């Protein structure tokens, strides 16, 4: 049997956590979780079952990962242009032996409850050994509109659902057979490549061409631009008939926005006023909130963001506007 390999995806910029998260230092490398980064926590968590790490990361910030990777056996695949998760996982799968089991994890999710996590991963490995593509579904605790959902029956996937509106999310929660889509996967390298070639041959062929032309782990830029940008959910998981889901009970958050970060910080005793307002970041200025509640002030050296926690998902629009203006603030 092949090795158990942790494939860590680290290509995102964390636009909904601007101005903390920047292209040069995205959210997974911020040491704000008990003075550790989400990237470091990802490595540590998976060491219990994985013998090796393959990092697929962006050329813009790959150097931030190297210090933490020194502690483990690893390879690095450098993306010169982002082409989404279907291609990123293909690069990792192409770099491994066909029978290697890949535990594919984002680098920017917060997971607590190591015992429950390892139980779920070990169950997923058993399905993967039998040839399945495995996804991990989180038991939902609230009608969340920021996550995708998996409709399931036992370990069988009935459907994948995009991020719902609030009423639909309430219906999902009430029905009892919907799980949050964690974005964590497990499968043999060969099984993934076989299904990718079957369902999206353009992504498969273009990814393979860019991988073969790579030099010292750095993917060819011109060939990379020819790869269709598709998520693994869209390219394969929503179409394959070889999918199993492992219902999972560890605490999970994608830490994708300030409402998630707010909840985490409050749970760890972060200072707040009597109306639930908090300050995050570098500023040592005395900050007072009047007539507002559940608001967040985010301070960095060159930017200040003030938001109502309920509008946390909209921060990405600020980021997109700055990107359009070619602002140095991103």
Protein backbone atom coordinates (compact mmCIF):
# COMPACT_ATOMS: atom_id res chain seq x y z
CA UNK A 1 0.00 0.00 0.00
CA UNK A 2 1.15 3.53 -0.71
CA UNK A 3 2.00 6.29 1.74
CA UNK A 4 -0.50 8.53 3.51
CA UNK A 5 0.23 12.06 2.24
CA UNK A 6 -1.16 15.39 3.46
CA UNK A 7 -1.76 17.64 0.45
CA UNK A 8 -2.01 21.20 1.76
CA UNK A 9 -3.61 23.78 -0.51
CA UNK A 10 -2.34 27.28 0.13
CA UNK A 11 -3.23 29.40 -2.87
CA UNK A 12 -5.95 31.64 -1.46
CA UNK A 13 -5.54 35.28 -0.43
CA UNK A 14 -8.31 35.46 2.19
CA UNK A 15 -10.01 38.48 0.63
CA UNK A 16 -12.79 38.52 3.26
CA UNK A 17 -10.19 39.04 5.99
CA UNK A 18 -8.71 42.18 4.44
CA UNK A 19 -6.87 44.23 5.71
CA UNK A 20 -5.35 41.57 7.98
CA UNK A 21 -4.93 39.21 5.02
CA UNK A 22 -2.89 40.38 2.02
CA UNK A 23 -1.47 38.72 -1.09
CA UNK A 24 1.97 38.94 0.46
CA UNK A 25 0.76 37.39 3.75
CA UNK A 26 -2.65 35.69 3.46
CA UNK A 27 -4.71 34.59 6.44
CA UNK A 28 -3.21 31.09 6.71
CA UNK A 29 0.15 32.58 7.68
CA UNK A 30 -1.09 35.03 10.34
CA UNK A 31 0.11 33.90 13.80
CA UNK A 32 -3.10 34.87 15.60
CA UNK A 33 -4.32 31.48 16.86
CA UNK A 34 -2.58 31.06 20.21
CA UNK A 35 0.45 32.59 18.47
CA UNK A 36 0.39 29.94 15.75
CA UNK A 37 -0.77 30.23 12.15
CA UNK A 38 -3.54 28.13 10.61
CA UNK A 39 -0.90 26.74 8.25
CA UNK A 40 1.28 25.52 11.11
CA UNK A 41 -1.75 24.04 12.89
CA UNK A 42 -2.67 22.17 9.69
CA UNK A 43 0.76 20.54 9.51
CA UNK A 44 0.71 19.57 13.19
CA UNK A 45 -2.83 18.15 13.10
CA UNK A 46 -2.16 15.81 10.18
CA UNK A 47 1.25 14.57 11.34
CA UNK A 48 -0.57 11.94 13.43
CA UNK A 49 -1.62 10.02 10.29
CA UNK A 50 0.47 11.39 7.40
CA UNK A 51 4.04 10.41 6.53
CA UNK A 52 4.67 13.22 4.06
CA UNK A 53 3.41 16.68 3.07
CA UNK A 54 2.90 18.08 -0.43
CA UNK A 55 2.29 21.81 -0.37
CA UNK A 56 0.65 23.37 -3.42
CA UNK A 57 1.03 27.10 -2.93
CA UNK A 58 1.23 30.49 -4.61
CA UNK A 59 4.50 31.90 -5.88
CA UNK A 60 3.60 35.16 -4.11
CA UNK A 61 3.85 33.76 -0.59
CA UNK A 62 5.40 30.28 -0.74
CA UNK A 63 8.42 31.42 1.25
CA UNK A 64 6.19 32.00 4.28
CA UNK A 65 5.59 28.24 4.47
CA UNK A 66 9.16 27.02 4.39
CA UNK A 67 10.04 27.51 8.05
CA UNK A 68 7.08 25.44 9.27
CA UNK A 69 7.74 22.72 6.68
CA UNK A 70 11.26 22.09 7.99
CA UNK A 71 9.80 19.88 10.72
CA UNK A 72 8.28 17.37 8.26
CA UNK A 73 9.14 15.37 5.15
CA UNK A 74 7.76 17.48 2.32
CA UNK A 75 7.65 18.58 -1.31
CA UNK A 76 6.57 21.97 -2.64
CA UNK A 77 4.70 22.62 -5.88
CA UNK A 78 4.64 26.32 -6.77
CA UNK A 79 1.71 27.75 -8.72
CA UNK A 80 2.73 30.71 -10.87
CA UNK A 81 -0.94 31.59 -11.52
CA UNK A 82 -3.95 30.43 -9.48
CA UNK A 83 -6.10 27.85 -11.31
CA UNK A 84 -8.45 26.73 -8.50
CA UNK A 85 -8.61 23.46 -6.56
CA UNK A 86 -9.23 20.87 -9.31
CA UNK A 87 -5.86 21.67 -10.90
CA UNK A 88 -4.04 22.18 -7.58
CA UNK A 89 -5.02 18.69 -6.41
CA UNK A 90 -4.09 17.27 -9.83
CA UNK A 91 -0.55 18.62 -9.46
CA UNK A 92 -0.21 16.89 -6.09
CA UNK A 93 -1.68 13.64 -7.40
CA UNK A 94 0.68 13.67 -10.39
CA UNK A 95 3.64 14.04 -8.03
CA UNK A 96 2.78 10.90 -6.04
CA UNK A 97 2.69 7.12 -6.57
CA UNK A 98 -0.70 5.86 -7.85
CA UNK A 99 -1.54 4.03 -4.59
CA UNK A 100 -0.63 6.90 -2.26
CA UNK A 101 -3.61 8.05 -0.20
CA UNK A 102 -3.98 11.85 -0.33
CA UNK A 103 -5.53 13.72 2.60
CA UNK A 104 -6.33 17.04 0.92
CA UNK A 105 -6.74 19.92 3.35
CA UNK A 106 -7.04 23.67 2.99
CA UNK A 107 -4.35 25.53 4.92
CA UNK A 108 -6.67 28.17 6.36
CA UNK A 109 -9.33 26.26 8.32
CA UNK A 110 -9.56 26.15 12.09
CA UNK A 111 -10.20 22.68 13.51
CA UNK A 112 -10.56 21.82 17.18
CA UNK A 113 -11.18 18.35 18.59
CA UNK A 114 -8.16 16.35 17.42
CA UNK A 115 -9.56 12.96 18.49
CA UNK A 116 -12.79 13.41 16.51
CA UNK A 117 -10.80 14.73 13.56
CA UNK A 118 -8.47 11.73 13.46
CA UNK A 119 -11.41 9.33 13.80
CA UNK A 120 -13.01 10.91 10.73
CA UNK A 121 -9.77 10.90 8.72
CA UNK A 122 -9.06 7.24 9.51
CA UNK A 123 -12.60 6.33 8.42
CA UNK A 124 -12.03 8.28 5.20
CA UNK A 125 -8.77 6.42 4.55
CA UNK A 126 -10.64 3.10 4.68
CA UNK A 127 -13.10 4.28 2.02
CA UNK A 128 -10.21 5.66 -0.07
CA UNK A 129 -8.36 2.33 0.06
CA UNK A 130 -11.47 0.76 -1.51
CA UNK A 131 -11.29 3.25 -4.40
CA UNK A 132 -13.78 5.93 -3.29
CA UNK A 133 -13.39 9.68 -3.45
CA UNK A 134 -14.12 10.83 0.09
CA UNK A 135 -15.42 14.15 1.35
CA UNK A 136 -15.92 15.13 4.99
CA UNK A 137 -19.20 16.72 6.05
CA UNK A 138 -19.49 18.71 9.26
CA UNK A 139 -22.58 18.35 11.43
CA UNK A 140 -24.13 21.85 11.15
CA UNK A 141 -24.81 23.84 14.32
CA UNK A 142 -26.62 26.83 12.80
CA UNK A 143 -28.25 27.97 9.53
CA UNK A 144 -24.98 29.16 7.95
CA UNK A 145 -25.17 30.96 4.59
CA UNK A 146 -21.40 31.16 4.06
CA UNK A 147 -20.82 27.41 3.52
CA UNK A 148 -21.73 24.88 0.86
CA UNK A 149 -23.76 21.84 1.94
CA UNK A 150 -23.77 18.10 1.28
CA UNK A 151 -27.10 16.26 1.27
CA UNK A 152 -26.40 12.75 2.50
CA UNK A 153 -27.80 9.46 3.68
CA UNK A 154 -25.30 7.62 5.85
CA UNK A 155 -22.05 7.63 3.86
CA UNK A 156 -23.84 8.17 0.55
CA UNK A 157 -23.90 11.61 -1.08
CA UNK A 158 -27.29 12.57 -2.51
CA UNK A 159 -26.33 16.05 -3.73
CA UNK A 160 -24.00 19.02 -3.29
CA UNK A 161 -25.61 22.41 -2.69
CA UNK A 162 -24.14 25.86 -3.17
CA UNK A 163 -24.17 28.47 -0.40
CA UNK A 164 -27.87 28.92 0.44
CA UNK A 165 -29.90 31.94 1.52
CA UNK A 166 -30.91 32.09 5.17
CA UNK A 167 -34.36 30.49 4.76
CA UNK A 168 -32.93 27.61 2.75
CA UNK A 169 -30.15 27.14 5.33
CA UNK A 170 -32.83 26.89 8.04
CA UNK A 171 -34.63 24.23 6.00
CA UNK A 172 -31.36 22.30 5.58
CA UNK A 173 -30.74 22.39 9.34
CA UNK A 174 -34.30 21.29 10.11
CA UNK A 175 -34.21 18.35 7.67
CA UNK A 176 -31.28 16.76 9.51
CA UNK A 177 -29.58 15.21 6.47
CA UNK A 178 -27.44 18.14 5.35
CA UNK A 179 -23.80 18.60 6.31
CA UNK A 180 -21.46 21.54 5.86
CA UNK A 181 -18.98 20.93 3.05
CA UNK A 182 -15.60 21.09 4.80
CA UNK A 183 -13.43 21.20 1.68
CA UNK A 184 -11.38 18.28 3.07
CA UNK A 185 -10.97 15.23 0.81
CA UNK A 186 -9.34 11.80 0.79
CA UNK A 187 -8.58 9.47 -2.12
CA UNK A 188 -5.89 7.52 -3.92
CA UNK A 189 -3.82 9.67 -6.27
CA UNK A 190 -4.76 7.38 -9.15
CA UNK A 191 -8.50 7.48 -8.32
CA UNK A 192 -8.52 11.27 -8.39
CA UNK A 193 -6.67 11.51 -11.70
CA UNK A 194 -8.90 8.84 -13.25
CA UNK A 195 -12.08 10.73 -12.32
CA UNK A 196 -10.61 14.09 -13.38
CA UNK A 197 -9.70 12.67 -16.79
CA UNK A 198 -13.17 11.15 -17.05
CA UNK A 199 -15.20 14.22 -16.11
CA UNK A 200 -12.97 17.13 -17.09
CA UNK A 201 -10.33 16.02 -19.59
CA UNK A 202 -9.40 19.62 -20.40
CA UNK A 203 -8.37 20.33 -16.80
CA UNK A 204 -6.60 16.96 -16.62
CA UNK A 205 -4.61 17.39 -19.84
CA UNK A 206 -3.66 21.02 -19.25
CA UNK A 207 -2.67 20.35 -15.61
CA UNK A 208 -0.49 17.43 -16.65
CA UNK A 209 1.23 19.53 -19.32
CA UNK A 210 2.03 22.31 -16.81
CA UNK A 211 3.25 19.77 -14.25
CA UNK A 212 5.52 17.92 -16.71
CA UNK A 213 7.08 21.24 -17.78
CA UNK A 214 7.73 22.36 -14.18
CA UNK A 215 11.28 23.26 -13.18
CA UNK A 216 12.39 22.67 -9.60
CA UNK A 217 8.77 22.36 -8.53
CA UNK A 218 7.74 25.67 -10.15
CA UNK A 219 4.92 25.22 -12.67
CA UNK A 220 5.24 26.65 -16.17
CA UNK A 221 3.34 29.95 -16.25
CA UNK A 222 2.32 29.94 -19.91
CA UNK A 223 0.99 26.38 -19.71
CA UNK A 224 -0.68 27.07 -16.36
CA UNK A 225 -2.73 29.89 -17.89
CA UNK A 226 -4.26 27.33 -20.28
CA UNK A 227 -5.76 25.31 -17.42
CA UNK A 228 -9.51 25.95 -16.92
CA UNK A 229 -10.08 27.38 -13.45
CA UNK A 230 -12.52 25.02 -11.73
CA UNK A 231 -13.13 23.89 -8.18
CA UNK A 232 -12.79 20.20 -7.37
CA UNK A 233 -16.46 20.19 -6.34
CA UNK A 234 -17.60 21.46 -9.73
CA UNK A 235 -15.13 19.43 -11.81
CA UNK A 236 -15.54 16.06 -10.08
CA UNK A 237 -17.32 15.75 -6.75
CA UNK A 238 -20.73 16.87 -8.02
CA UNK A 239 -20.52 14.49 -10.99
CA UNK A 240 -18.74 11.31 -9.90
CA UNK A 241 -20.60 8.19 -8.78
CA UNK A 242 -17.66 7.09 -6.61
CA UNK A 243 -18.19 9.57 -3.75
CA UNK A 244 -18.51 8.74 -0.05
CA UNK A 245 -19.04 11.26 2.74
CA UNK A 246 -17.84 10.85 6.30
CA UNK A 247 -20.15 12.72 8.71
CA UNK A 248 -17.74 14.44 11.12
CA UNK A 249 -18.13 15.92 14.57
CA UNK A 250 -14.96 17.94 15.16
CA UNK A 251 -15.31 21.70 15.57
CA UNK A 252 -14.63 23.32 12.19
CA UNK A 253 -14.59 26.80 10.74
CA UNK A 254 -13.19 27.96 7.43
CA UNK A 255 -12.11 31.22 9.14
CA UNK A 256 -13.21 32.83 5.92
CA UNK A 257 -14.59 36.06 7.33
CA UNK A 258 -14.59 38.36 10.32
CA UNK A 259 -17.72 36.85 11.86
CA UNK A 260 -15.87 33.50 12.14
CA UNK A 261 -12.75 35.20 13.50
CA UNK A 262 -14.90 37.26 15.89
CA UNK A 263 -16.56 34.14 17.32
CA UNK A 264 -13.19 32.41 17.74
CA UNK A 265 -11.55 35.39 19.45
CA UNK A 266 -14.49 35.92 21.82
CA UNK A 267 -14.39 32.21 22.75
CA UNK A 268 -10.71 32.66 23.69
CA UNK A 269 -11.38 35.68 25.91
CA UNK A 270 -10.55 38.51 23.48
CA UNK A 271 -11.52 41.89 25.02
CA UNK A 272 -14.99 43.19 24.10
CA UNK A 273 -17.20 45.97 25.41
CA UNK A 274 -20.64 45.42 26.93
CA UNK A 275 -22.24 45.54 23.47
CA UNK A 276 -19.99 42.92 21.86
CA UNK A 277 -17.75 45.34 19.96
CA UNK A 278 -14.09 44.38 19.50
CA UNK A 279 -10.83 45.73 18.11
CA UNK A 280 -8.47 43.49 16.11
CA UNK A 281 -4.98 44.35 14.92
CA UNK A 282 -1.98 46.48 15.66
CA UNK A 283 -3.39 49.74 16.97
CA UNK A 284 -2.74 50.75 20.56
CA UNK A 285 -5.13 53.68 20.34
CA UNK A 286 -7.97 53.86 22.82
CA UNK A 287 -11.10 52.90 20.86
CA UNK A 288 -14.64 53.69 22.03
CA UNK A 289 -17.89 52.41 20.47
CA UNK A 290 -21.07 54.46 20.93
CA UNK A 291 -24.55 53.40 19.85
CA UNK A 292 -23.43 50.28 17.99
CA UNK A 293 -23.17 46.59 18.84
CA UNK A 294 -21.35 43.51 17.49
CA UNK A 295 -19.00 45.71 15.47
CA UNK A 296 -15.39 45.06 14.59
CA UNK A 297 -12.59 47.58 14.09
CA UNK A 298 -9.61 46.10 12.23
CA UNK A 299 -6.37 48.06 12.46
CA UNK A 300 -3.23 47.56 10.40
CA UNK A 301 -0.30 49.88 9.73
CA UNK A 302 -1.82 51.20 6.50
CA UNK A 303 -5.58 50.55 6.69
CA UNK A 304 -8.58 50.59 9.04
CA UNK A 305 -11.77 48.58 8.49
CA UNK A 306 -14.94 49.22 10.51
CA UNK A 307 -17.78 46.75 10.05
CA UNK A 308 -20.93 45.35 11.56
CA UNK A 309 -20.28 41.63 12.12
CA UNK A 310 -23.46 40.85 10.16
CA UNK A 311 -21.82 42.25 6.99
CA UNK A 312 -18.62 40.20 7.29
CA UNK A 313 -19.20 38.39 3.97
CA UNK A 314 -19.18 41.73 2.12
CA UNK A 315 -15.54 42.55 2.90
CA UNK A 316 -14.57 40.66 -0.26
CA UNK A 317 -16.28 43.43 -2.28
CA UNK A 318 -13.91 45.98 -0.71
CA UNK A 319 -11.00 43.76 -1.67
CA UNK A 320 -12.31 43.34 -5.23
CA UNK A 321 -12.64 47.11 -5.62
CA UNK A 322 -9.06 47.67 -4.40
CA UNK A 323 -7.87 44.94 -6.76
CA UNK A 324 -9.62 46.63 -9.68
CA UNK A 325 -7.84 49.87 -8.77
CA UNK A 326 -4.47 48.06 -8.58
CA UNK A 327 -4.18 49.30 -5.02
CA UNK A 328 -0.95 48.55 -3.10
CA UNK A 329 -3.20 47.84 -0.09
CA UNK A 330 -3.90 44.27 -1.21
